[in-house]
């Protein structure tokens, strides 16, 4: 029961911060499209993270030119951030948002 309460609280808190921090508009759609497929969230359970503008900005700040990065987003998720060189190569295949 505690876990269910935590999950529900996390979802409500995430949606609240999402709605406060991410106004809907064409600018945000373009920003997401620019990074979509260039990172992957690796959940450590059944909880999936929301991806906010702040998350995308942090991913881009953490991205390195020649080295892949693994960012421990929190206790429940790690984010795989491929290098700029890797995502700019012709052989790069876009990543799904969540690892299976």
N, C-alpha and C. Protein backbone atom coordinates (compact mmCIF):
# COMPACT_ATOMS: atom_id res chain seq x y z
N UNK A 1 0.82 -1.19 0.00
CA UNK A 1 0.00 0.00 0.00
C UNK A 1 0.87 1.26 0.00
N UNK A 2 1.97 1.23 0.77
CA UNK A 2 2.86 2.39 0.81
C UNK A 2 3.46 2.65 -0.56
N UNK A 3 3.82 1.57 -1.27
CA UNK A 3 4.43 1.72 -2.59
C UNK A 3 3.42 2.33 -3.57
N UNK A 4 2.17 1.86 -3.52
CA UNK A 4 1.13 2.41 -4.38
C UNK A 4 0.91 3.89 -4.08
N UNK A 5 0.90 4.25 -2.81
CA UNK A 5 0.74 5.65 -2.43
C UNK A 5 1.90 6.47 -2.95
N UNK A 6 3.12 5.95 -2.83
CA UNK A 6 4.31 6.65 -3.34
C UNK A 6 4.22 6.85 -4.85
N UNK A 7 3.83 5.79 -5.56
CA UNK A 7 3.71 5.88 -7.02
C UNK A 7 2.68 6.93 -7.41
N UNK A 8 1.51 6.89 -6.77
CA UNK A 8 0.47 7.86 -7.08
C UNK A 8 0.91 9.28 -6.75
N UNK A 9 1.56 9.46 -5.59
CA UNK A 9 2.06 10.77 -5.21
C UNK A 9 3.10 11.26 -6.23
N UNK A 10 3.99 10.37 -6.65
CA UNK A 10 5.02 10.73 -7.62
C UNK A 10 4.41 11.16 -8.94
N UNK A 11 3.37 10.43 -9.36
CA UNK A 11 2.71 10.77 -10.61
C UNK A 11 2.04 12.14 -10.52
N UNK A 12 1.33 12.40 -9.43
CA UNK A 12 0.65 13.68 -9.26
C UNK A 12 1.68 14.80 -9.16
N UNK A 13 2.73 14.59 -8.38
CA UNK A 13 3.78 15.61 -8.24
C UNK A 13 4.46 15.86 -9.58
N UNK A 14 4.72 14.80 -10.31
CA UNK A 14 5.35 14.94 -11.62
C UNK A 14 4.46 15.68 -12.60
N UNK A 15 3.18 15.36 -12.60
CA UNK A 15 2.25 16.04 -13.50
C UNK A 15 2.09 17.50 -13.11
N UNK A 16 2.08 17.78 -11.81
CA UNK A 16 1.96 19.15 -11.36
C UNK A 16 3.18 19.95 -11.80
N UNK A 17 4.37 19.40 -11.56
CA UNK A 17 5.57 20.13 -11.97
C UNK A 17 5.66 20.20 -13.49
N UNK A 18 5.20 19.17 -14.18
CA UNK A 18 5.20 19.16 -15.64
C UNK A 18 4.33 20.30 -16.15
N UNK A 19 3.13 20.42 -15.58
CA UNK A 19 2.22 21.44 -16.08
C UNK A 19 2.71 22.83 -15.71
N UNK A 20 3.44 22.99 -14.60
CA UNK A 20 3.93 24.30 -14.21
C UNK A 20 5.18 24.69 -14.97
N UNK A 21 6.02 23.73 -15.30
CA UNK A 21 7.32 24.03 -15.90
C UNK A 21 7.35 23.91 -17.40
N UNK A 22 6.31 23.41 -18.01
CA UNK A 22 6.37 23.16 -19.43
C UNK A 22 5.12 23.67 -20.13
N UNK A 23 5.11 24.96 -20.45
CA UNK A 23 3.96 25.45 -21.18
C UNK A 23 3.89 24.78 -22.54
N UNK A 24 2.69 24.52 -22.98
CA UNK A 24 2.51 23.83 -24.25
C UNK A 24 2.70 24.83 -25.37
N UNK A 25 3.44 24.44 -26.37
CA UNK A 25 3.64 25.32 -27.50
C UNK A 25 4.57 24.70 -28.51
N UNK A 26 4.65 25.34 -29.65
CA UNK A 26 5.47 24.83 -30.74
C UNK A 26 6.95 24.78 -30.36
N UNK A 27 7.41 25.77 -29.60
CA UNK A 27 8.82 25.83 -29.18
C UNK A 27 9.22 24.56 -28.42
N UNK A 28 8.38 24.13 -27.48
CA UNK A 28 8.69 22.94 -26.69
C UNK A 28 8.64 21.67 -27.53
N UNK A 29 7.74 21.61 -28.50
CA UNK A 29 7.66 20.45 -29.39
C UNK A 29 8.95 20.32 -30.19
N UNK A 30 9.44 21.45 -30.68
CA UNK A 30 10.68 21.43 -31.46
C UNK A 30 11.86 21.02 -30.60
N UNK A 31 11.91 21.53 -29.34
CA UNK A 31 13.01 21.16 -28.43
C UNK A 31 13.01 19.67 -28.17
N UNK A 32 11.83 19.09 -27.94
CA UNK A 32 11.78 17.66 -27.67
C UNK A 32 12.18 16.87 -28.92
N UNK A 33 11.71 17.32 -30.07
CA UNK A 33 12.04 16.63 -31.32
C UNK A 33 13.55 16.63 -31.56
N UNK A 34 14.22 17.70 -31.13
CA UNK A 34 15.67 17.79 -31.33
C UNK A 34 16.44 16.76 -30.52
N UNK A 35 15.94 16.38 -29.34
CA UNK A 35 16.66 15.42 -28.50
C UNK A 35 16.00 14.05 -28.46
N UNK A 36 14.78 13.95 -28.99
CA UNK A 36 14.08 12.67 -28.98
C UNK A 36 14.91 11.60 -29.69
N UNK A 37 15.07 10.46 -29.05
CA UNK A 37 15.84 9.38 -29.62
C UNK A 37 17.33 9.45 -29.34
N UNK A 38 17.76 10.52 -28.64
CA UNK A 38 19.20 10.68 -28.37
C UNK A 38 19.55 10.39 -26.92
N UNK A 39 18.61 9.84 -26.16
CA UNK A 39 18.87 9.39 -24.80
C UNK A 39 17.88 8.30 -24.47
N UNK A 40 18.17 7.54 -23.41
CA UNK A 40 17.27 6.46 -23.02
C UNK A 40 17.24 6.32 -21.52
N UNK A 41 16.03 6.22 -20.97
CA UNK A 41 15.85 6.05 -19.53
C UNK A 41 15.83 4.55 -19.23
N UNK A 42 16.65 4.16 -18.26
CA UNK A 42 16.74 2.76 -17.85
C UNK A 42 16.09 2.65 -16.47
N UNK A 43 14.81 2.23 -16.42
CA UNK A 43 14.14 2.15 -15.12
C UNK A 43 14.66 0.98 -14.29
N UNK A 44 14.70 1.17 -12.98
CA UNK A 44 15.14 0.11 -12.07
C UNK A 44 13.93 -0.51 -11.38
N UNK A 45 12.82 -0.48 -12.01
CA UNK A 45 11.57 -1.02 -11.47
C UNK A 45 10.47 -0.77 -12.48
N UNK A 46 9.27 -0.65 -11.99
CA UNK A 46 8.13 -0.47 -12.88
C UNK A 46 7.67 0.98 -12.99
N UNK A 47 8.36 1.88 -12.34
CA UNK A 47 7.99 3.30 -12.39
C UNK A 47 8.72 3.95 -13.55
N UNK A 48 7.97 4.63 -14.41
CA UNK A 48 8.55 5.34 -15.55
C UNK A 48 8.58 6.83 -15.25
N UNK A 49 9.68 7.46 -15.58
CA UNK A 49 9.88 8.89 -15.30
C UNK A 49 9.24 9.76 -16.37
N UNK A 50 8.75 10.91 -15.96
CA UNK A 50 8.31 11.92 -16.90
C UNK A 50 9.54 12.68 -17.37
N UNK A 51 9.53 13.09 -18.63
CA UNK A 51 10.66 13.84 -19.17
C UNK A 51 10.22 15.29 -19.34
N UNK A 52 10.74 16.15 -18.48
CA UNK A 52 10.40 17.57 -18.49
C UNK A 52 11.42 18.35 -19.30
N UNK A 53 11.15 19.62 -19.49
CA UNK A 53 12.11 20.50 -20.16
C UNK A 53 13.43 20.50 -19.38
N UNK A 54 13.33 20.58 -18.05
CA UNK A 54 14.53 20.61 -17.22
C UNK A 54 15.35 19.33 -17.39
N UNK A 55 14.67 18.20 -17.50
CA UNK A 55 15.38 16.93 -17.72
C UNK A 55 16.11 16.94 -19.05
N UNK A 56 15.43 17.38 -20.10
CA UNK A 56 16.07 17.44 -21.43
C UNK A 56 17.25 18.40 -21.43
N UNK A 57 17.10 19.56 -20.77
CA UNK A 57 18.20 20.51 -20.71
C UNK A 57 19.39 19.92 -19.97
N UNK A 58 19.13 19.23 -18.87
CA UNK A 58 20.22 18.60 -18.11
C UNK A 58 20.92 17.53 -18.93
N UNK A 59 20.14 16.75 -19.67
CA UNK A 59 20.74 15.72 -20.53
C UNK A 59 21.68 16.37 -21.53
N UNK A 60 21.25 17.45 -22.15
CA UNK A 60 22.11 18.12 -23.14
C UNK A 60 23.35 18.73 -22.49
N UNK A 61 23.22 19.24 -21.27
CA UNK A 61 24.39 19.79 -20.57
C UNK A 61 25.38 18.69 -20.19
N UNK A 62 24.86 17.51 -19.89
CA UNK A 62 25.73 16.40 -19.47
C UNK A 62 26.35 15.67 -20.65
N UNK A 63 25.78 15.82 -21.86
CA UNK A 63 26.28 15.11 -23.03
C UNK A 63 27.70 15.54 -23.36
N UNK A 64 28.56 14.58 -23.63
CA UNK A 64 29.97 14.85 -23.98
C UNK A 64 30.18 14.58 -25.46
N UNK A 65 31.26 15.15 -26.00
CA UNK A 65 31.55 14.98 -27.42
C UNK A 65 31.94 13.54 -27.77
N UNK A 66 32.84 12.95 -26.98
CA UNK A 66 33.42 11.66 -27.34
C UNK A 66 33.12 10.52 -26.37
N UNK A 67 32.33 10.76 -25.36
CA UNK A 67 32.15 9.76 -24.31
C UNK A 67 30.67 9.63 -23.95
N UNK A 68 30.18 8.39 -23.90
CA UNK A 68 28.82 8.14 -23.45
C UNK A 68 28.74 8.40 -21.95
N UNK A 69 27.57 8.84 -21.48
CA UNK A 69 27.38 9.18 -20.07
C UNK A 69 26.20 8.38 -19.53
N UNK A 70 26.33 7.90 -18.30
CA UNK A 70 25.22 7.30 -17.57
C UNK A 70 24.95 8.20 -16.38
N UNK A 71 23.74 8.77 -16.33
CA UNK A 71 23.34 9.70 -15.27
C UNK A 71 22.33 9.01 -14.37
N UNK A 72 22.66 8.88 -13.08
CA UNK A 72 21.72 8.33 -12.11
C UNK A 72 20.72 9.43 -11.76
N UNK A 73 19.64 9.44 -12.48
CA UNK A 73 18.61 10.48 -12.36
C UNK A 73 18.02 10.50 -10.94
N UNK A 74 17.79 9.32 -10.38
CA UNK A 74 17.28 9.16 -9.02
C UNK A 74 17.46 7.68 -8.65
N UNK A 75 16.89 7.27 -7.52
CA UNK A 75 17.04 5.88 -7.08
C UNK A 75 16.36 4.88 -8.02
N UNK A 76 15.43 5.36 -8.83
CA UNK A 76 14.63 4.46 -9.66
C UNK A 76 15.00 4.46 -11.14
N UNK A 77 15.85 5.40 -11.59
CA UNK A 77 16.14 5.49 -13.02
C UNK A 77 17.56 5.98 -13.30
N UNK A 78 18.14 5.41 -14.34
CA UNK A 78 19.41 5.86 -14.88
C UNK A 78 19.15 6.29 -16.32
N UNK A 79 19.85 7.32 -16.78
CA UNK A 79 19.68 7.79 -18.14
C UNK A 79 20.97 7.53 -18.91
N UNK A 80 20.83 6.87 -20.05
CA UNK A 80 21.96 6.65 -20.95
C UNK A 80 21.98 7.81 -21.94
N UNK A 81 23.13 8.50 -22.01
CA UNK A 81 23.28 9.67 -22.89
C UNK A 81 24.46 9.39 -23.83
N UNK A 82 24.17 9.00 -25.07
CA UNK A 82 25.27 8.76 -26.02
C UNK A 82 26.00 10.06 -26.35
N UNK A 83 27.24 9.93 -26.75
CA UNK A 83 28.06 11.10 -27.08
C UNK A 83 27.52 11.83 -28.32
N UNK A 84 27.92 13.09 -28.47
CA UNK A 84 27.53 13.87 -29.65
C UNK A 84 28.04 13.20 -30.93
N UNK A 85 29.28 12.72 -30.88
CA UNK A 85 29.83 12.06 -32.06
C UNK A 85 29.01 10.85 -32.46
N UNK A 86 28.55 10.10 -31.47
CA UNK A 86 27.76 8.90 -31.75
C UNK A 86 26.41 9.27 -32.37
N UNK A 87 25.73 10.25 -31.79
CA UNK A 87 24.40 10.58 -32.31
C UNK A 87 24.47 11.32 -33.65
N UNK A 88 25.60 11.93 -33.95
CA UNK A 88 25.76 12.61 -35.24
C UNK A 88 26.28 11.70 -36.35
N UNK A 89 26.65 10.48 -36.00
CA UNK A 89 27.16 9.56 -37.02
C UNK A 89 26.00 9.04 -37.87
N UNK A 90 26.28 8.70 -39.11
CA UNK A 90 25.25 8.22 -40.02
C UNK A 90 24.68 6.87 -39.60
N UNK A 91 25.43 6.12 -38.82
CA UNK A 91 24.98 4.78 -38.41
C UNK A 91 24.14 4.81 -37.13
N UNK A 92 23.94 6.00 -36.54
CA UNK A 92 23.19 6.08 -35.28
C UNK A 92 21.73 5.75 -35.51
N UNK A 93 21.20 4.86 -34.68
CA UNK A 93 19.79 4.48 -34.69
C UNK A 93 19.14 5.16 -33.48
N UNK A 94 18.05 5.91 -33.66
CA UNK A 94 17.39 6.56 -32.52
C UNK A 94 17.01 5.54 -31.46
N UNK A 95 17.13 5.95 -30.21
CA UNK A 95 16.83 5.08 -29.06
C UNK A 95 15.37 5.22 -28.67
N UNK A 96 14.81 4.14 -28.15
CA UNK A 96 13.47 4.25 -27.56
C UNK A 96 13.62 5.02 -26.25
N UNK A 97 12.55 5.66 -25.81
CA UNK A 97 12.62 6.48 -24.60
C UNK A 97 12.97 5.65 -23.38
N UNK A 98 12.41 4.44 -23.26
CA UNK A 98 12.67 3.58 -22.11
C UNK A 98 13.32 2.28 -22.56
N UNK A 99 14.35 1.85 -21.84
CA UNK A 99 14.98 0.55 -22.11
C UNK A 99 14.02 -0.54 -21.63
N UNK A 100 14.07 -1.65 -22.28
CA UNK A 100 13.18 -2.75 -21.91
C UNK A 100 13.83 -3.66 -20.91
